[in-house]
Amino acid sequence: MPKVTITNDETGESKTFRAGLGANLRQAALYADVEIYKGMNKMTNCRGMGFCGTCLIEVEPMENVRNHTFIEKLHKVAPNQKLGCRAKVYGDITVKAAIKD
């Protein structure tokens, strides 16, 4: 099971948990009680449908998550970023969530 370390850039909190191979990062983070949204976005997001883009995260290493999806290309996500709702975990990763503008 891959190890996921998420650091919330807004609060500075960090938490490590295990996720199943191929698990959806947003769902795994919510299950582990880890916040990936910034500010009010935790209440006003699209619930993992990929429409809003508020679950934007930075991932290292990118080789351990799925390639960019069509929806991420529409949102013009940077090469080192993913949408948490579109990230599938295939190895140990470090994530920066709730990225400050």
C-alpha atoms as a PDB file:
ATOM      1  CA  MET A   1       0.000   0.000   0.000  1.00  0.00           C
ATOM      2  CA  PRO A   2       1.445   3.355  -1.028  1.00  0.00           C
ATOM      3  CA  LYS A   3       2.307   5.896   1.659  1.00  0.00           C
ATOM      4  CA  VAL A   4       0.831   9.380   1.142  1.00  0.00           C
ATOM      5  CA  THR A   5       2.126  12.435   3.013  1.00  0.00           C
ATOM      6  CA  ILE A   6      -0.092  15.510   2.643  1.00  0.00           C
ATOM      7  CA  THR A   7       0.963  18.960   3.831  1.00  0.00           C
ATOM      8  CA  ASN A   8      -1.762  21.597   3.917  1.00  0.00           C
ATOM      9  CA  ASP A   9      -0.080  24.771   2.629  1.00  0.00           C
ATOM     10  CA  GLU A  10      -2.749  26.965   4.239  1.00  0.00           C
ATOM     11  CA  THR A  11      -2.540  25.571   7.794  1.00  0.00           C
ATOM     12  CA  GLY A  12       0.921  23.983   7.752  1.00  0.00           C
ATOM     13  CA  GLU A  13      -0.474  20.687   9.064  1.00  0.00           C
ATOM     14  CA  SER A  14       1.033  17.473   7.751  1.00  0.00           C
ATOM     15  CA  LYS A  15      -0.316  13.933   7.920  1.00  0.00           C
ATOM     16  CA  THR A  16       0.833  10.586   6.558  1.00  0.00           C
ATOM     17  CA  PHE A  17      -1.484   7.698   5.762  1.00  0.00           C
ATOM     18  CA  ARG A  18      -1.657   4.601   3.590  1.00  0.00           C
ATOM     19  CA  ALA A  19      -3.856   4.370   0.499  1.00  0.00           C
ATOM     20  CA  GLY A  20      -4.723   1.344  -1.593  1.00  0.00           C
ATOM     21  CA  LEU A  21      -2.886   0.847  -4.871  1.00  0.00           C
ATOM     22  CA  GLY A  22      -4.781   2.836  -7.512  1.00  0.00           C
ATOM     23  CA  ALA A  23      -6.869   4.666  -4.887  1.00  0.00           C
ATOM     24  CA  ASN A  24      -8.418   8.042  -5.648  1.00  0.00           C
ATOM     25  CA  LEU A  25      -6.374  10.593  -3.682  1.00  0.00           C
ATOM     26  CA  ARG A  26      -9.318  12.861  -2.786  1.00  0.00           C
ATOM     27  CA  GLN A  27     -11.385   9.965  -1.448  1.00  0.00           C
ATOM     28  CA  ALA A  28      -8.436   8.488   0.465  1.00  0.00           C
ATOM     29  CA  ALA A  29      -7.638  11.884   2.032  1.00  0.00           C
ATOM     30  CA  LEU A  30     -11.249  12.419   3.103  1.00  0.00           C
ATOM     31  CA  TYR A  31     -11.337   8.902   4.577  1.00  0.00           C
ATOM     32  CA  ALA A  32      -8.125   9.664   6.529  1.00  0.00           C
ATOM     33  CA  ASP A  33      -9.646  12.975   7.709  1.00  0.00           C
ATOM     34  CA  VAL A  34      -7.080  15.074   5.817  1.00  0.00           C
ATOM     35  CA  GLU A  35      -8.187  18.410   4.345  1.00  0.00           C
ATOM     36  CA  ILE A  36      -7.073  19.094   0.763  1.00  0.00           C
ATOM     37  CA  TYR A  37      -9.265  22.140   0.119  1.00  0.00           C
ATOM     38  CA  LYS A  38      -8.420  25.757   0.871  1.00  0.00           C
ATOM     39  CA  GLY A  39     -10.771  28.002   2.878  1.00  0.00           C
ATOM     40  CA  MET A  40     -14.440  27.851   1.886  1.00  0.00           C
ATOM     41  CA  ASN A  41     -13.686  25.461  -0.973  1.00  0.00           C
ATOM     42  CA  LYS A  42     -14.200  22.598   1.468  1.00  0.00           C
ATOM     43  CA  MET A  43     -17.902  23.553   1.395  1.00  0.00           C
ATOM     44  CA  THR A  44     -18.288  24.802  -2.186  1.00  0.00           C
ATOM     45  CA  ASN A  45     -16.450  22.142  -4.215  1.00  0.00           C
ATOM     46  CA  CYS A  46     -17.939  19.873  -6.886  1.00  0.00           C
ATOM     47  CA  ARG A  47     -17.597  16.730  -4.700  1.00  0.00           C
ATOM     48  CA  GLY A  48     -14.966  15.071  -6.887  1.00  0.00           C
ATOM     49  CA  MET A  49     -16.510  15.522 -10.314  1.00  0.00           C
ATOM     50  CA  GLY A  50     -13.557  17.553 -11.676  1.00  0.00           C
ATOM     51  CA  PHE A  51     -15.597  20.623 -12.607  1.00  0.00           C
ATOM     52  CA  CYS A  52     -14.400  23.202 -10.067  1.00  0.00           C
ATOM     53  CA  GLY A  53     -10.616  22.696  -9.901  1.00  0.00           C
ATOM     54  CA  THR A  54     -10.482  23.592  -6.188  1.00  0.00           C
ATOM     55  CA  CYS A  55      -8.689  20.391  -5.162  1.00  0.00           C
ATOM     56  CA  LEU A  56      -5.500  21.462  -6.953  1.00  0.00           C
ATOM     57  CA  ILE A  57      -2.412  19.824  -5.431  1.00  0.00           C
ATOM     58  CA  GLU A  58       1.328  19.578  -6.101  1.00  0.00           C
ATOM     59  CA  VAL A  59       2.659  16.016  -6.215  1.00  0.00           C
ATOM     60  CA  GLU A  60       6.151  14.505  -5.933  1.00  0.00           C
ATOM     61  CA  PRO A  61       7.101  12.253  -7.652  1.00  0.00           C
ATOM     62  CA  MET A  62       4.639  12.542 -10.549  1.00  0.00           C
ATOM     63  CA  GLU A  63       5.582   9.045 -11.752  1.00  0.00           C
ATOM     64  CA  ASN A  64       3.566   7.585  -8.855  1.00  0.00           C
ATOM     65  CA  VAL A  65       0.233   9.088  -9.936  1.00  0.00           C
ATOM     66  CA  ARG A  66      -1.851   8.723 -13.079  1.00  0.00           C
ATOM     67  CA  ASN A  67      -1.030  10.968 -16.055  1.00  0.00           C
ATOM     68  CA  HIS A  68      -3.017  14.158 -16.590  1.00  0.00           C
ATOM     69  CA  THR A  69      -6.612  13.515 -17.598  1.00  0.00           C
ATOM     70  CA  PHE A  70      -8.672  15.392 -20.166  1.00  0.00           C
ATOM     71  CA  ILE A  71     -10.343  17.400 -17.393  1.00  0.00           C
ATOM     72  CA  GLU A  72      -6.953  18.443 -15.974  1.00  0.00           C
ATOM     73  CA  LYS A  73      -5.885  19.568 -19.434  1.00  0.00           C
ATOM     74  CA  LEU A  74      -9.056  21.697 -19.660  1.00  0.00           C
ATOM     75  CA  HIS A  75      -8.146  23.317 -16.316  1.00  0.00           C
ATOM     76  CA  LYS A  76      -4.572  23.883 -17.655  1.00  0.00           C
ATOM     77  CA  VAL A  77      -2.993  22.194 -14.650  1.00  0.00           C
ATOM     78  CA  ALA A  78       0.807  22.648 -14.415  1.00  0.00           C
ATOM     79  CA  PRO A  79       3.056  19.611 -15.062  1.00  0.00           C
ATOM     80  CA  ASN A  80       3.849  19.156 -11.334  1.00  0.00           C
ATOM     81  CA  GLN A  81       0.198  19.534 -10.274  1.00  0.00           C
ATOM     82  CA  LYS A  82      -2.933  17.375 -10.306  1.00  0.00           C
ATOM     83  CA  LEU A  83      -6.536  17.683  -9.271  1.00  0.00           C
ATOM     84  CA  GLY A  84      -6.941  15.599  -6.124  1.00  0.00           C
ATOM     85  CA  CYS A  85     -10.159  14.119  -7.495  1.00  0.00           C
ATOM     86  CA  ARG A  86      -8.346  12.909 -10.621  1.00  0.00           C
ATOM     87  CA  ALA A  87      -5.180  11.569  -8.937  1.00  0.00           C
ATOM     88  CA  LYS A  88      -4.817   7.796  -8.692  1.00  0.00           C
ATOM     89  CA  VAL A  89      -2.022   6.701  -6.340  1.00  0.00           C
ATOM     90  CA  TYR A  90       0.409   4.026  -7.613  1.00  0.00           C
ATOM     91  CA  GLY A  91       3.345   4.575  -5.233  1.00  0.00           C
ATOM     92  CA  ASP A  92       4.612   6.645  -2.294  1.00  0.00           C
ATOM     93  CA  ILE A  93       3.951  10.356  -2.816  1.00  0.00           C
ATOM     94  CA  THR A  94       4.327  13.692  -1.070  1.00  0.00           C
ATOM     95  CA  VAL A  95       1.506  16.164  -1.667  1.00  0.00           C
ATOM     96  CA  LYS A  96       1.155  19.889  -1.049  1.00  0.00           C
ATOM     97  CA  ALA A  97      -2.558  20.697  -0.753  1.00  0.00           C
ATOM     98  CA  ALA A  98      -4.572  23.916  -0.267  1.00  0.00           C
ATOM     99  CA  ILE A  99      -1.976  25.732  -2.354  1.00  0.00           C
ATOM    100  CA  LYS A 100      -1.723  29.464  -1.684  1.00  0.00           C
ATOM    101  CA  ASP A 101      -2.199  31.701  -4.723  1.00  0.00           C
END
